Amino acid sequence: VPEEIGLCTNLEYLDLRTNFIHFLPAAFDNLRELKEFFASNNLLETFPPELARFKQLHTLDLSHNRISRLGKTVGSISNVQQLSLAHNSIPEIPPAIGALVHLKMLQLSDNLLKKLPPEIRKCTELEYLDVSNNAL
């Protein structure tokens, strides 16, 4: 991803699907207006910490990557309503998931999950939960 992407400070929608991306560039910090971000079918191995700064973000698709760790950062995207992390290698969902109180759709299929954290019950607006093809 070219660093020049950071010059698009009013960007609200960004689709980076299928681009062999390993990480997000530092210039991503400038995309504070981003509302919809699609980065599926890439090579991301961790949940990008840069996303914690995107307070407008409501749709995030990181499916079909190599993510094996979410960490607390996932709880920082507090306005997200649709989150897809399907087809990764995620072994556990951190308790920080409970901070996503506006979450309506959560796709976690085809990961390595053995359980869901009790904090998921704090996602009171959750309408759609897909945890198929895990080890629950």
C-alpha atoms as a PDB file:
ATOM      1  CA  VAL A   1       0.000   0.000   0.000  1.00  0.00           C
ATOM      2  CA  PRO A   2       1.604   3.299  -1.000  1.00  0.00           C
ATOM      3  CA  GLU A   3       2.301   5.825   1.759  1.00  0.00           C
ATOM      4  CA  GLU A   4       0.409   8.413  -0.316  1.00  0.00           C
ATOM      5  CA  ILE A   5      -2.820   6.804   0.871  1.00  0.00           C
ATOM      6  CA  GLY A   6      -2.371   8.941   3.977  1.00  0.00           C
ATOM      7  CA  LEU A   7      -3.012  12.066   1.900  1.00  0.00           C
ATOM      8  CA  CYS A   8      -6.626  10.974   1.400  1.00  0.00           C
ATOM      9  CA  THR A   9      -7.713  12.317   4.779  1.00  0.00           C
ATOM     10  CA  ASN A  10     -11.428  12.403   3.901  1.00  0.00           C
ATOM     11  CA  LEU A  11     -11.533   8.804   2.708  1.00  0.00           C
ATOM     12  CA  GLU A  12     -14.586   6.957   4.064  1.00  0.00           C
ATOM     13  CA  TYR A  13     -14.446   3.701   2.085  1.00  0.00           C
ATOM     14  CA  LEU A  14     -11.322   1.679   1.323  1.00  0.00           C
ATOM     15  CA  ASP A  15     -11.158  -1.691  -0.396  1.00  0.00           C
ATOM     16  CA  LEU A  16      -7.758  -3.415  -0.314  1.00  0.00           C
ATOM     17  CA  ARG A  17      -8.962  -6.964  -0.882  1.00  0.00           C
ATOM     18  CA  THR A  18      -6.551  -9.468  -2.455  1.00  0.00           C
ATOM     19  CA  ASN A  19      -3.368  -7.387  -2.466  1.00  0.00           C
ATOM     20  CA  PHE A  20      -0.795  -9.559  -0.627  1.00  0.00           C
ATOM     21  CA  ILE A  21      -0.678  -7.020   2.239  1.00  0.00           C
ATOM     22  CA  HIS A  22       1.392  -8.035   5.279  1.00  0.00           C
ATOM     23  CA  PHE A  23       0.846  -4.848   7.317  1.00  0.00           C
ATOM     24  CA  LEU A  24      -0.729  -1.412   7.085  1.00  0.00           C
ATOM     25  CA  PRO A  25       1.603   1.530   6.410  1.00  0.00           C
ATOM     26  CA  ALA A  26       2.160   4.263   9.015  1.00  0.00           C
ATOM     27  CA  ALA A  27       0.293   6.689   6.744  1.00  0.00           C
ATOM     28  CA  PHE A  28      -2.902   4.861   7.688  1.00  0.00           C
ATOM     29  CA  ASP A  29      -2.966   7.031  10.813  1.00  0.00           C
ATOM     30  CA  ASN A  30      -4.296   9.889   8.686  1.00  0.00           C
ATOM     31  CA  LEU A  31      -7.426   8.059   7.559  1.00  0.00           C
ATOM     32  CA  ARG A  32      -9.510   9.112  10.555  1.00  0.00           C
ATOM     33  CA  GLU A  33     -12.757   9.400   8.553  1.00  0.00           C
ATOM     34  CA  LEU A  34     -12.680   5.781   7.392  1.00  0.00           C
ATOM     35  CA  LYS A  35     -16.071   4.126   7.883  1.00  0.00           C
ATOM     36  CA  GLU A  36     -15.753   0.966   5.786  1.00  0.00           C
ATOM     37  CA  PHE A  37     -12.523  -0.985   5.401  1.00  0.00           C
ATOM     38  CA  PHE A  38     -12.148  -4.214   3.456  1.00  0.00           C
ATOM     39  CA  ALA A  39      -8.804  -6.050   3.608  1.00  0.00           C
ATOM     40  CA  SER A  40      -9.813  -9.659   3.122  1.00  0.00           C
ATOM     41  CA  ASN A  41      -7.696 -12.149   1.200  1.00  0.00           C
ATOM     42  CA  ASN A  42      -4.365 -10.686   2.237  1.00  0.00           C
ATOM     43  CA  LEU A  43      -1.451 -11.826   4.394  1.00  0.00           C
ATOM     44  CA  LEU A  44      -2.116  -9.984   7.660  1.00  0.00           C
ATOM     45  CA  GLU A  45      -0.899 -11.987  10.670  1.00  0.00           C
ATOM     46  CA  THR A  46      -2.123  -9.755  13.495  1.00  0.00           C
ATOM     47  CA  PHE A  47      -5.050  -7.430  14.036  1.00  0.00           C
ATOM     48  CA  PRO A  48      -3.682  -4.068  12.807  1.00  0.00           C
ATOM     49  CA  PRO A  49      -3.243  -1.782  15.838  1.00  0.00           C
ATOM     50  CA  GLU A  50      -3.701   1.250  13.559  1.00  0.00           C
ATOM     51  CA  LEU A  51      -7.404   0.455  13.406  1.00  0.00           C
ATOM     52  CA  ALA A  52      -7.830   1.523  17.043  1.00  0.00           C
ATOM     53  CA  ARG A  53      -7.663   5.158  15.920  1.00  0.00           C
ATOM     54  CA  PHE A  54     -10.572   4.875  13.494  1.00  0.00           C
ATOM     55  CA  LYS A  55     -13.476   6.038  15.621  1.00  0.00           C
ATOM     56  CA  GLN A  56     -15.825   6.322  12.605  1.00  0.00           C
ATOM     57  CA  LEU A  57     -15.258   2.727  11.461  1.00  0.00           C
ATOM     58  CA  HIS A  58     -18.475   0.701  11.332  1.00  0.00           C
ATOM     59  CA  THR A  59     -17.635  -2.059   8.816  1.00  0.00           C
ATOM     60  CA  LEU A  60     -14.411  -4.074   8.961  1.00  0.00           C
ATOM     61  CA  ASP A  61     -13.581  -7.156   6.925  1.00  0.00           C
ATOM     62  CA  LEU A  62     -10.294  -8.904   7.694  1.00  0.00           C
ATOM     63  CA  SER A  63     -11.441 -12.359   6.650  1.00  0.00           C
ATOM     64  CA  HIS A  64      -9.228 -14.771   4.717  1.00  0.00           C
ATOM     65  CA  ASN A  65      -5.938 -13.573   6.192  1.00  0.00           C
ATOM     66  CA  ARG A  66      -3.423 -15.253   8.482  1.00  0.00           C
ATOM     67  CA  ILE A  67      -4.415 -13.510  11.690  1.00  0.00           C
ATOM     68  CA  SER A  68      -3.483 -15.601  14.700  1.00  0.00           C
ATOM     69  CA  ARG A  69      -3.797 -12.981  17.433  1.00  0.00           C
ATOM     70  CA  LEU A  70      -6.322 -10.237  18.095  1.00  0.00           C
ATOM     71  CA  GLY A  71      -5.142  -8.665  21.347  1.00  0.00           C
ATOM     72  CA  LYS A  72      -6.861  -5.836  23.187  1.00  0.00           C
ATOM     73  CA  THR A  73      -6.862  -3.587  20.134  1.00  0.00           C
ATOM     74  CA  VAL A  74     -10.041  -5.218  18.878  1.00  0.00           C
ATOM     75  CA  GLY A  75     -11.931  -3.542  21.730  1.00  0.00           C
ATOM     76  CA  SER A  76     -10.793  -0.104  20.567  1.00  0.00           C
ATOM     77  CA  ILE A  77     -12.888  -0.111  17.401  1.00  0.00           C
ATOM     78  CA  SER A  78     -15.882   0.665  19.586  1.00  0.00           C
ATOM     79  CA  ASN A  79     -18.248   1.888  16.856  1.00  0.00           C
ATOM     80  CA  VAL A  80     -17.875  -1.120  14.598  1.00  0.00           C
ATOM     81  CA  GLN A  81     -21.173  -2.756  13.661  1.00  0.00           C
ATOM     82  CA  GLN A  82     -19.998  -5.419  11.224  1.00  0.00           C
ATOM     83  CA  LEU A  83     -16.806  -7.357  11.868  1.00  0.00           C
ATOM     84  CA  SER A  84     -15.615 -10.272   9.775  1.00  0.00           C
ATOM     85  CA  LEU A  85     -12.616 -12.277  10.961  1.00  0.00           C
ATOM     86  CA  ALA A  86     -13.624 -15.527   9.265  1.00  0.00           C
ATOM     87  CA  HIS A  87     -11.053 -17.852   7.696  1.00  0.00           C
ATOM     88  CA  ASN A  88      -8.060 -16.902   9.837  1.00  0.00           C
ATOM     89  CA  SER A  89      -6.108 -18.808  12.490  1.00  0.00           C
ATOM     90  CA  ILE A  90      -7.528 -17.144  15.593  1.00  0.00           C
ATOM     91  CA  PRO A  91      -7.340 -19.447  18.640  1.00  0.00           C
ATOM     92  CA  GLU A  92      -9.189 -17.163  21.075  1.00  0.00           C
ATOM     93  CA  ILE A  93     -11.261 -14.021  21.243  1.00  0.00           C
ATOM     94  CA  PRO A  94     -10.003 -11.569  23.888  1.00  0.00           C
ATOM     95  CA  PRO A  95     -12.328 -10.231  26.602  1.00  0.00           C
ATOM     96  CA  ALA A  96     -11.975  -6.804  24.931  1.00  0.00           C
ATOM     97  CA  ILE A  97     -14.627  -7.968  22.449  1.00  0.00           C
ATOM     98  CA  GLY A  98     -17.157  -6.903  25.084  1.00  0.00           C
ATOM     99  CA  ALA A  99     -16.324  -3.250  24.353  1.00  0.00           C
ATOM    100  CA  LEU A 100     -17.964  -3.561  20.928  1.00  0.00           C
ATOM    101  CA  VAL A 101     -21.393  -2.589  22.184  1.00  0.00           C
ATOM    102  CA  HIS A 102     -22.651  -1.535  18.729  1.00  0.00           C
ATOM    103  CA  LEU A 103     -21.679  -4.803  17.075  1.00  0.00           C
ATOM    104  CA  LYS A 104     -24.539  -6.292  15.050  1.00  0.00           C
ATOM    105  CA  MET A 105     -22.725  -8.877  12.910  1.00  0.00           C
ATOM    106  CA  LEU A 106     -19.701 -10.970  13.897  1.00  0.00           C
ATOM    107  CA  GLN A 107     -18.236 -13.585  11.575  1.00  0.00           C
ATOM    108  CA  LEU A 108     -15.695 -15.910  13.199  1.00  0.00           C
ATOM    109  CA  SER A 109     -16.156 -19.044  11.120  1.00  0.00           C
ATOM    110  CA  ASP A 110     -13.221 -21.218  10.099  1.00  0.00           C
ATOM    111  CA  ASN A 111     -10.813 -20.288  12.878  1.00  0.00           C
ATOM    112  CA  LEU A 112      -9.316 -22.270  15.766  1.00  0.00           C
ATOM    113  CA  LEU A 113     -11.727 -21.195  18.501  1.00  0.00           C
ATOM    114  CA  LYS A 114     -12.384 -23.547  21.403  1.00  0.00           C
ATOM    115  CA  LYS A 115     -14.598 -21.168  23.363  1.00  0.00           C
ATOM    116  CA  LEU A 116     -16.050 -17.689  23.337  1.00  0.00           C
ATOM    117  CA  PRO A 117     -15.293 -15.255  26.164  1.00  0.00           C
ATOM    118  CA  PRO A 118     -18.160 -14.486  28.558  1.00  0.00           C
ATOM    119  CA  GLU A 119     -17.690 -10.794  27.723  1.00  0.00           C
ATOM    120  CA  ILE A 120     -19.387 -11.399  24.374  1.00  0.00           C
ATOM    121  CA  ARG A 121     -22.686 -11.067  26.234  1.00  0.00           C
ATOM    122  CA  LYS A 122     -21.914  -7.318  26.501  1.00  0.00           C
ATOM    123  CA  CYS A 123     -22.453  -7.093  22.742  1.00  0.00           C
ATOM    124  CA  THR A 124     -26.149  -6.550  23.326  1.00  0.00           C
ATOM    125  CA  GLU A 125     -26.909  -5.389  19.756  1.00  0.00           C
ATOM    126  CA  LEU A 126     -25.446  -8.548  18.211  1.00  0.00           C
ATOM    127  CA  GLU A 127     -27.926 -10.015  15.714  1.00  0.00           C
ATOM    128  CA  TYR A 128     -25.719 -12.319  13.633  1.00  0.00           C
ATOM    129  CA  LEU A 129     -22.974 -14.567  14.982  1.00  0.00           C
ATOM    130  CA  ASP A 130     -21.222 -17.133  12.809  1.00  0.00           C
ATOM    131  CA  VAL A 131     -18.792 -19.438  14.641  1.00  0.00           C
ATOM    132  CA  SER A 132     -19.139 -22.409  12.307  1.00  0.00           C
ATOM    133  CA  ASN A 133     -16.149 -24.639  11.557  1.00  0.00           C
ATOM    134  CA  ASN A 134     -14.312 -24.081  14.826  1.00  0.00           C
ATOM    135  CA  ALA A 135     -13.610 -26.442  17.720  1.00  0.00           C
ATOM    136  CA  LEU A 136     -16.299 -25.104  20.083  1.00  0.00           C
END
